[in-house]
């Protein structure tokens, strides 16, 4: 019975890990970019901000990630490049939808949003791949 849970637990752990990595990166940016020290009291600490950002990134990416994870597990795809490309594309699309970079399309805003979210997607996808993606389809009993 426990052997049947190994794969779903690995996938869930990898997704939560990727969300936490994303949350750490986003929280660090938010806490360091607040305008003054008194405004930093709004976010009690980096840990609380990390959990909040991890929850947001986990919710935003849940449906597309679940579909892609199912496909990659089914095909037993283990190449980092595929995970990295998907993470980068997902992060860029989500950032452009959520941010106001498309409403007020200044080149600097757009480049910073795309560059930052590209890095965020690659790092989060690497975290997922490191925990679960490199073992995709390994414990299947077909």
N, C-alpha and C. Protein backbone atom coordinates (compact mmCIF):
# COMPACT_ATOMS: atom_id res chain seq x y z
N UNK A 1 0.82 -1.19 0.00
CA UNK A 1 0.00 0.00 0.00
C UNK A 1 0.87 1.26 0.00
N UNK A 2 1.90 1.29 0.83
CA UNK A 2 2.76 2.46 0.88
C UNK A 2 3.54 2.66 -0.41
N UNK A 3 3.83 1.57 -1.10
CA UNK A 3 4.54 1.68 -2.37
C UNK A 3 3.70 2.40 -3.41
N UNK A 4 2.38 2.26 -3.33
CA UNK A 4 1.50 2.96 -4.27
C UNK A 4 1.44 4.45 -3.99
N UNK A 5 1.75 4.85 -2.79
CA UNK A 5 1.72 6.26 -2.43
C UNK A 5 3.04 6.98 -2.69
N UNK A 6 4.08 6.24 -3.00
CA UNK A 6 5.39 6.84 -3.20
C UNK A 6 5.37 7.88 -4.32
N UNK A 7 4.80 7.54 -5.45
CA UNK A 7 4.79 8.44 -6.60
C UNK A 7 3.94 9.69 -6.35
N UNK A 8 2.68 9.55 -5.88
CA UNK A 8 1.91 10.78 -5.61
C UNK A 8 2.55 11.66 -4.53
N UNK A 9 3.13 11.04 -3.51
CA UNK A 9 3.79 11.83 -2.48
C UNK A 9 5.01 12.56 -3.02
N UNK A 10 5.75 11.91 -3.91
CA UNK A 10 6.90 12.56 -4.53
C UNK A 10 6.46 13.75 -5.37
N UNK A 11 5.37 13.59 -6.11
CA UNK A 11 4.87 14.67 -6.97
C UNK A 11 4.38 15.85 -6.12
N UNK A 12 3.62 15.57 -5.08
CA UNK A 12 3.11 16.63 -4.21
C UNK A 12 4.26 17.32 -3.48
N UNK A 13 5.21 16.55 -2.99
CA UNK A 13 6.36 17.14 -2.31
C UNK A 13 7.16 18.02 -3.26
N UNK A 14 7.34 17.58 -4.48
CA UNK A 14 8.07 18.37 -5.47
C UNK A 14 7.33 19.66 -5.79
N UNK A 15 6.01 19.59 -5.92
CA UNK A 15 5.22 20.79 -6.23
C UNK A 15 5.27 21.78 -5.06
N UNK A 16 5.12 21.28 -3.85
CA UNK A 16 5.20 22.15 -2.67
C UNK A 16 6.60 22.76 -2.56
N UNK A 17 7.62 21.97 -2.84
CA UNK A 17 8.99 22.49 -2.81
C UNK A 17 9.21 23.59 -3.84
N UNK A 18 8.68 23.39 -5.05
CA UNK A 18 8.80 24.42 -6.08
C UNK A 18 8.05 25.69 -5.68
N UNK A 19 6.89 25.53 -5.07
CA UNK A 19 6.13 26.69 -4.60
C UNK A 19 6.87 27.42 -3.48
N UNK A 20 7.52 26.68 -2.60
CA UNK A 20 8.29 27.32 -1.53
C UNK A 20 9.49 28.08 -2.08
N UNK A 21 10.15 27.51 -3.06
CA UNK A 21 11.28 28.21 -3.70
C UNK A 21 10.78 29.49 -4.35
N UNK A 22 9.66 29.40 -5.04
CA UNK A 22 9.05 30.57 -5.65
C UNK A 22 8.66 31.59 -4.59
N UNK A 23 8.11 31.11 -3.48
CA UNK A 23 7.72 32.01 -2.40
C UNK A 23 8.90 32.72 -1.78
N UNK A 24 10.01 32.02 -1.60
CA UNK A 24 11.22 32.65 -1.05
C UNK A 24 11.71 33.76 -1.98
N UNK A 25 11.75 33.46 -3.26
CA UNK A 25 12.24 34.46 -4.21
C UNK A 25 11.32 35.69 -4.25
N UNK A 26 10.02 35.45 -4.31
CA UNK A 26 9.07 36.56 -4.36
C UNK A 26 9.09 37.37 -3.06
N UNK A 27 9.12 36.68 -1.94
CA UNK A 27 9.13 37.38 -0.64
C UNK A 27 10.39 38.21 -0.48
N UNK A 28 11.51 37.71 -0.92
CA UNK A 28 12.76 38.46 -0.82
C UNK A 28 12.68 39.75 -1.64
N UNK A 29 12.12 39.64 -2.82
CA UNK A 29 11.97 40.83 -3.66
C UNK A 29 11.02 41.82 -3.00
N UNK A 30 9.91 41.32 -2.49
CA UNK A 30 8.92 42.21 -1.87
C UNK A 30 9.49 42.90 -0.64
N UNK A 31 10.12 42.16 0.24
CA UNK A 31 10.63 42.73 1.48
C UNK A 31 11.75 43.73 1.21
N UNK A 32 12.61 43.44 0.25
CA UNK A 32 13.72 44.36 -0.02
C UNK A 32 13.30 45.58 -0.82
N UNK A 33 12.20 45.54 -1.52
CA UNK A 33 11.77 46.66 -2.35
C UNK A 33 10.74 47.57 -1.69
N UNK A 34 10.38 47.28 -0.44
CA UNK A 34 9.46 48.18 0.25
C UNK A 34 10.14 49.54 0.44
N UNK A 35 9.39 50.64 0.32
CA UNK A 35 10.01 51.96 0.25
C UNK A 35 10.79 52.40 1.50
N UNK A 36 10.28 52.12 2.67
CA UNK A 36 11.01 52.54 3.86
C UNK A 36 10.88 51.49 4.96
N UNK A 37 11.65 51.67 6.00
CA UNK A 37 11.70 50.66 7.06
C UNK A 37 10.37 50.53 7.79
N UNK A 38 9.61 51.61 7.93
CA UNK A 38 8.32 51.51 8.63
C UNK A 38 7.31 50.72 7.82
N UNK A 39 7.40 50.74 6.51
CA UNK A 39 6.47 49.97 5.68
C UNK A 39 6.78 48.49 5.77
N UNK A 40 7.99 48.13 6.15
CA UNK A 40 8.36 46.73 6.27
C UNK A 40 7.65 46.04 7.43
N UNK A 41 7.09 46.82 8.35
CA UNK A 41 6.37 46.23 9.46
C UNK A 41 5.06 45.59 9.01
N UNK A 42 4.59 45.92 7.82
CA UNK A 42 3.38 45.31 7.28
C UNK A 42 3.60 43.82 7.11
N UNK A 43 4.75 43.47 6.58
CA UNK A 43 5.12 42.06 6.46
C UNK A 43 5.95 41.71 7.68
N UNK A 44 5.42 40.88 8.58
CA UNK A 44 6.11 40.67 9.86
C UNK A 44 7.51 40.11 9.72
N UNK A 45 7.71 39.22 8.79
CA UNK A 45 9.04 38.66 8.61
C UNK A 45 9.10 37.95 7.27
N UNK A 46 10.29 37.54 6.92
CA UNK A 46 10.48 36.87 5.64
C UNK A 46 9.77 35.53 5.60
N UNK A 47 9.68 34.85 6.73
CA UNK A 47 9.02 33.55 6.76
C UNK A 47 7.53 33.69 6.44
N UNK A 48 6.87 34.63 7.05
CA UNK A 48 5.45 34.85 6.78
C UNK A 48 5.21 35.26 5.34
N UNK A 49 6.07 36.11 4.82
CA UNK A 49 5.94 36.53 3.42
C UNK A 49 6.20 35.37 2.48
N UNK A 50 7.15 34.51 2.83
CA UNK A 50 7.44 33.34 2.01
C UNK A 50 6.25 32.41 1.93
N UNK A 51 5.62 32.14 3.06
CA UNK A 51 4.45 31.26 3.07
C UNK A 51 3.31 31.88 2.25
N UNK A 52 3.11 33.18 2.40
CA UNK A 52 2.05 33.85 1.64
C UNK A 52 2.32 33.79 0.14
N UNK A 53 3.54 34.07 -0.26
CA UNK A 53 3.87 34.05 -1.68
C UNK A 53 3.86 32.62 -2.25
N UNK A 54 4.25 31.65 -1.44
CA UNK A 54 4.21 30.25 -1.88
C UNK A 54 2.76 29.82 -2.11
N UNK A 55 1.86 30.24 -1.24
CA UNK A 55 0.45 29.91 -1.42
C UNK A 55 -0.09 30.55 -2.70
N UNK A 56 0.25 31.80 -2.93
CA UNK A 56 -0.24 32.48 -4.12
C UNK A 56 0.31 31.83 -5.38
N UNK A 57 1.60 31.55 -5.41
CA UNK A 57 2.17 30.93 -6.62
C UNK A 57 1.64 29.51 -6.81
N UNK A 58 1.40 28.81 -5.72
CA UNK A 58 0.83 27.47 -5.82
C UNK A 58 -0.57 27.47 -6.37
N UNK A 59 -1.37 28.44 -5.97
CA UNK A 59 -2.75 28.53 -6.45
C UNK A 59 -2.77 28.97 -7.91
N UNK A 60 -1.97 29.95 -8.26
CA UNK A 60 -1.96 30.46 -9.63
C UNK A 60 -1.52 29.39 -10.62
N UNK A 61 -0.54 28.58 -10.24
CA UNK A 61 0.04 27.61 -11.16
C UNK A 61 -0.56 26.22 -11.05
N UNK A 62 -1.56 26.02 -10.22
CA UNK A 62 -2.04 24.67 -9.93
C UNK A 62 -2.57 23.93 -11.15
N UNK A 63 -3.51 24.52 -11.86
CA UNK A 63 -4.15 23.80 -12.98
C UNK A 63 -3.17 23.54 -14.13
N UNK A 64 -2.45 24.56 -14.64
CA UNK A 64 -1.52 24.25 -15.73
C UNK A 64 -0.41 23.29 -15.31
N UNK A 65 0.06 23.42 -14.07
CA UNK A 65 1.11 22.53 -13.60
C UNK A 65 0.60 21.10 -13.45
N UNK A 66 -0.61 20.94 -12.94
CA UNK A 66 -1.16 19.60 -12.78
C UNK A 66 -1.31 18.90 -14.13
N UNK A 67 -1.74 19.63 -15.13
CA UNK A 67 -1.87 19.05 -16.47
C UNK A 67 -0.50 18.66 -17.02
N UNK A 68 0.47 19.56 -16.89
CA UNK A 68 1.80 19.27 -17.43
C UNK A 68 2.49 18.16 -16.65
N UNK A 69 2.34 18.15 -15.34
CA UNK A 69 2.94 17.09 -14.53
C UNK A 69 2.35 15.74 -14.91
N UNK A 70 1.05 15.69 -15.11
CA UNK A 70 0.41 14.43 -15.50
C UNK A 70 0.96 13.94 -16.84
N UNK A 71 1.11 14.85 -17.78
CA UNK A 71 1.64 14.47 -19.10
C UNK A 71 3.09 13.99 -18.98
N UNK A 72 3.90 14.73 -18.24
CA UNK A 72 5.32 14.37 -18.12
C UNK A 72 5.51 13.07 -17.34
N UNK A 73 4.69 12.83 -16.33
CA UNK A 73 4.76 11.55 -15.60
C UNK A 73 4.31 10.40 -16.50
N UNK A 74 3.27 10.62 -17.25
CA UNK A 74 2.75 9.57 -18.14
C UNK A 74 3.78 9.20 -19.20
N UNK A 75 4.48 10.21 -19.72
CA UNK A 75 5.50 9.95 -20.74
C UNK A 75 6.85 9.61 -20.14
N UNK A 76 6.96 9.62 -18.82
CA UNK A 76 8.21 9.35 -18.10
C UNK A 76 9.34 10.25 -18.60
N UNK A 77 9.01 11.53 -18.76
CA UNK A 77 9.96 12.51 -19.26
C UNK A 77 10.81 13.03 -18.11
N UNK A 78 12.12 12.93 -18.24
CA UNK A 78 13.03 13.29 -17.15
C UNK A 78 14.01 14.39 -17.52
N UNK A 79 13.89 14.98 -18.66
CA UNK A 79 14.84 16.02 -19.08
C UNK A 79 14.53 17.35 -18.41
N UNK A 80 15.56 17.96 -17.84
CA UNK A 80 15.39 19.24 -17.16
C UNK A 80 14.91 20.33 -18.10
N UNK A 81 15.34 20.28 -19.33
CA UNK A 81 15.02 21.33 -20.30
C UNK A 81 13.51 21.50 -20.44
N UNK A 82 12.78 20.42 -20.46
CA UNK A 82 11.33 20.49 -20.61
C UNK A 82 10.70 21.12 -19.38
N UNK A 83 11.14 20.70 -18.20
CA UNK A 83 10.62 21.29 -16.96
C UNK A 83 10.98 22.77 -16.88
N UNK A 84 12.20 23.11 -17.22
CA UNK A 84 12.64 24.50 -17.18
C UNK A 84 11.87 25.39 -18.15
N UNK A 85 11.66 24.89 -19.36
CA UNK A 85 10.91 25.66 -20.36
C UNK A 85 9.47 25.89 -19.90
N UNK A 86 8.84 24.84 -19.38
CA UNK A 86 7.47 24.99 -18.91
C UNK A 86 7.40 25.96 -17.73
N UNK A 87 8.32 25.84 -16.79
CA UNK A 87 8.32 26.74 -15.63
C UNK A 87 8.54 28.19 -16.05
N UNK A 88 9.44 28.41 -16.99
CA UNK A 88 9.71 29.77 -17.45
C UNK A 88 8.51 30.35 -18.18
N UNK A 89 7.91 29.58 -19.07
CA UNK A 89 6.74 30.06 -19.81
C UNK A 89 5.58 30.33 -18.86
N UNK A 90 5.34 29.42 -17.93
CA UNK A 90 4.24 29.61 -16.99
C UNK A 90 4.46 30.85 -16.13
N UNK A 91 5.67 31.05 -15.64
CA UNK A 91 5.95 32.21 -14.80
C UNK A 91 5.83 33.52 -15.57
N UNK A 92 6.30 33.54 -16.81
CA UNK A 92 6.20 34.77 -17.61
C UNK A 92 4.75 35.10 -17.91
N UNK A 93 3.97 34.10 -18.33
CA UNK A 93 2.56 34.34 -18.63
C UNK A 93 1.80 34.79 -17.39
N UNK A 94 2.03 34.12 -16.27
CA UNK A 94 1.35 34.50 -15.03
C UNK A 94 1.75 35.91 -14.59
N UNK A 95 3.02 36.25 -14.70
CA UNK A 95 3.47 37.58 -14.31
C UNK A 95 2.88 38.66 -15.20
N UNK A 96 2.79 38.39 -16.49
CA UNK A 96 2.22 39.38 -17.40
C UNK A 96 0.72 39.56 -17.17
N UNK A 97 0.05 38.48 -16.82
CA UNK A 97 -1.39 38.57 -16.54
C UNK A 97 -1.63 39.31 -15.22
N UNK A 98 -0.85 38.99 -14.20
CA UNK A 98 -1.07 39.56 -12.87
C UNK A 98 -0.56 40.99 -12.78
N UNK A 99 0.58 41.28 -13.36
CA UNK A 99 1.18 42.61 -13.20
C UNK A 99 0.51 43.63 -14.13
N UNK A 100 0.90 44.86 -13.95
CA UNK A 100 0.38 45.91 -14.81
C UNK A 100 1.34 46.23 -15.95
N UNK A 101 2.23 45.32 -16.26
CA UNK A 101 3.22 45.57 -17.31
C UNK A 101 2.57 45.67 -18.68
N UNK A 102 1.45 45.00 -18.88
CA UNK A 102 0.77 45.09 -20.17
C UNK A 102 -0.19 46.27 -20.23
N UNK A 103 -0.64 46.75 -19.08
CA UNK A 103 -1.55 47.90 -19.06
C UNK A 103 -0.78 49.16 -19.42
N UNK A 104 0.38 49.30 -18.83
CA UNK A 104 1.25 50.44 -19.11
C UNK A 104 2.55 49.91 -19.71
N UNK A 105 2.54 49.59 -21.00
CA UNK A 105 3.68 48.86 -21.59
C UNK A 105 4.92 49.71 -21.82
N UNK A 106 5.63 50.02 -20.76
CA UNK A 106 6.93 50.65 -20.91
C UNK A 106 7.97 49.55 -21.06
N UNK A 107 8.95 49.78 -21.87
CA UNK A 107 9.94 48.75 -22.17
C UNK A 107 10.66 48.27 -20.91
N UNK A 108 11.02 49.18 -20.04
CA UNK A 108 11.74 48.79 -18.82
C UNK A 108 10.86 47.92 -17.93
N UNK A 109 9.60 48.31 -17.75
CA UNK A 109 8.68 47.50 -16.96
C UNK A 109 8.53 46.11 -17.53
N UNK A 110 8.35 46.04 -18.82
CA UNK A 110 8.13 44.76 -19.50
C UNK A 110 9.37 43.87 -19.39
N UNK A 111 10.55 44.45 -19.60
CA UNK A 111 11.77 43.66 -19.55
C UNK A 111 12.07 43.17 -18.14
N UNK A 112 11.84 44.00 -17.14
CA UNK A 112 12.07 43.58 -15.75
C UNK A 112 11.08 42.49 -15.36
N UNK A 113 9.82 42.66 -15.74
CA UNK A 113 8.81 41.65 -15.42
C UNK A 113 9.12 40.32 -16.10
N UNK A 114 9.45 40.37 -17.37
CA UNK A 114 9.75 39.14 -18.10
C UNK A 114 11.04 38.50 -17.58
N UNK A 115 12.08 39.29 -17.39
CA UNK A 115 13.35 38.74 -16.92
C UNK A 115 13.26 38.14 -15.52
N UNK A 116 12.61 38.85 -14.63
CA UNK A 116 12.46 38.35 -13.27
C UNK A 116 11.61 37.10 -13.19
N UNK A 117 10.51 37.09 -13.92
CA UNK A 117 9.65 35.91 -13.89
C UNK A 117 10.28 34.74 -14.63
N UNK A 118 11.09 35.02 -15.62
CA UNK A 118 11.82 33.95 -16.31
C UNK A 118 12.78 33.26 -15.35
N UNK A 119 13.52 34.05 -14.59
CA UNK A 119 14.42 33.49 -13.58
C UNK A 119 13.64 32.73 -12.52
N UNK A 120 12.54 33.30 -12.05
CA UNK A 120 11.70 32.66 -11.05
C UNK A 120 11.18 31.32 -11.56
N UNK A 121 10.72 31.27 -12.80
CA UNK A 121 10.21 30.02 -13.37
C UNK A 121 11.29 28.97 -13.53
N UNK A 122 12.47 29.38 -13.95
CA UNK A 122 13.56 28.42 -14.11
C UNK A 122 14.01 27.84 -12.77
N UNK A 123 14.11 28.68 -11.76
CA UNK A 123 14.54 28.19 -10.45
C UNK A 123 13.48 27.29 -9.83
N UNK A 124 12.22 27.67 -9.93
CA UNK A 124 11.14 26.84 -9.39
C UNK A 124 11.03 25.51 -10.13
N UNK A 125 11.17 25.54 -11.44
CA UNK A 125 11.12 24.30 -12.22
C UNK A 125 12.31 23.41 -11.89
N UNK A 126 13.45 24.01 -11.64
CA UNK A 126 14.62 23.24 -11.24
C UNK A 126 14.39 22.56 -9.90
N UNK A 127 13.75 23.27 -8.97
CA UNK A 127 13.42 22.67 -7.67
C UNK A 127 12.46 21.50 -7.86
N UNK A 128 11.45 21.66 -8.72
CA UNK A 128 10.52 20.56 -8.97
C UNK A 128 11.26 19.38 -9.60
N UNK A 129 12.08 19.68 -10.60
CA UNK A 129 12.79 18.61 -11.30
C UNK A 129 13.72 17.87 -10.33
N UNK A 130 14.40 18.62 -9.48
CA UNK A 130 15.36 18.01 -8.56
C UNK A 130 14.66 17.04 -7.60
N UNK A 131 13.46 17.39 -7.14
CA UNK A 131 12.75 16.55 -6.19
C UNK A 131 11.97 15.43 -6.89
N UNK A 132 11.27 15.76 -7.97
CA UNK A 132 10.39 14.76 -8.55
C UNK A 132 10.55 14.50 -10.04
N UNK A 133 10.92 15.50 -10.80
CA UNK A 133 10.95 15.36 -12.25
C UNK A 133 12.02 14.42 -12.78
N UNK A 134 13.14 14.37 -12.11
CA UNK A 134 14.22 13.49 -12.60
C UNK A 134 13.90 12.02 -12.36
N UNK A 135 12.85 11.75 -11.59
CA UNK A 135 12.40 10.39 -11.35
C UNK A 135 11.04 10.11 -11.98
N UNK A 136 10.63 10.93 -12.92
CA UNK A 136 9.30 10.80 -13.52
C UNK A 136 9.11 9.42 -14.14
N UNK A 137 8.03 8.78 -13.74
CA UNK A 137 7.69 7.46 -14.29
C UNK A 137 8.57 6.34 -13.82
N UNK A 138 9.45 6.56 -12.86
CA UNK A 138 10.43 5.54 -12.45
C UNK A 138 9.79 4.37 -11.72
N UNK A 139 8.79 4.61 -10.92
CA UNK A 139 8.20 3.53 -10.14
C UNK A 139 6.85 3.08 -10.68
N UNK A 140 6.70 3.17 -11.97
CA UNK A 140 5.48 2.69 -12.63
C UNK A 140 5.54 1.17 -12.77
N UNK A 141 4.45 0.55 -12.58
CA UNK A 141 4.40 -0.89 -12.80
C UNK A 141 3.44 -1.18 -13.95
N UNK A 142 3.92 -1.01 -15.18
CA UNK A 142 3.10 -1.23 -16.38
C UNK A 142 3.15 -2.69 -16.77
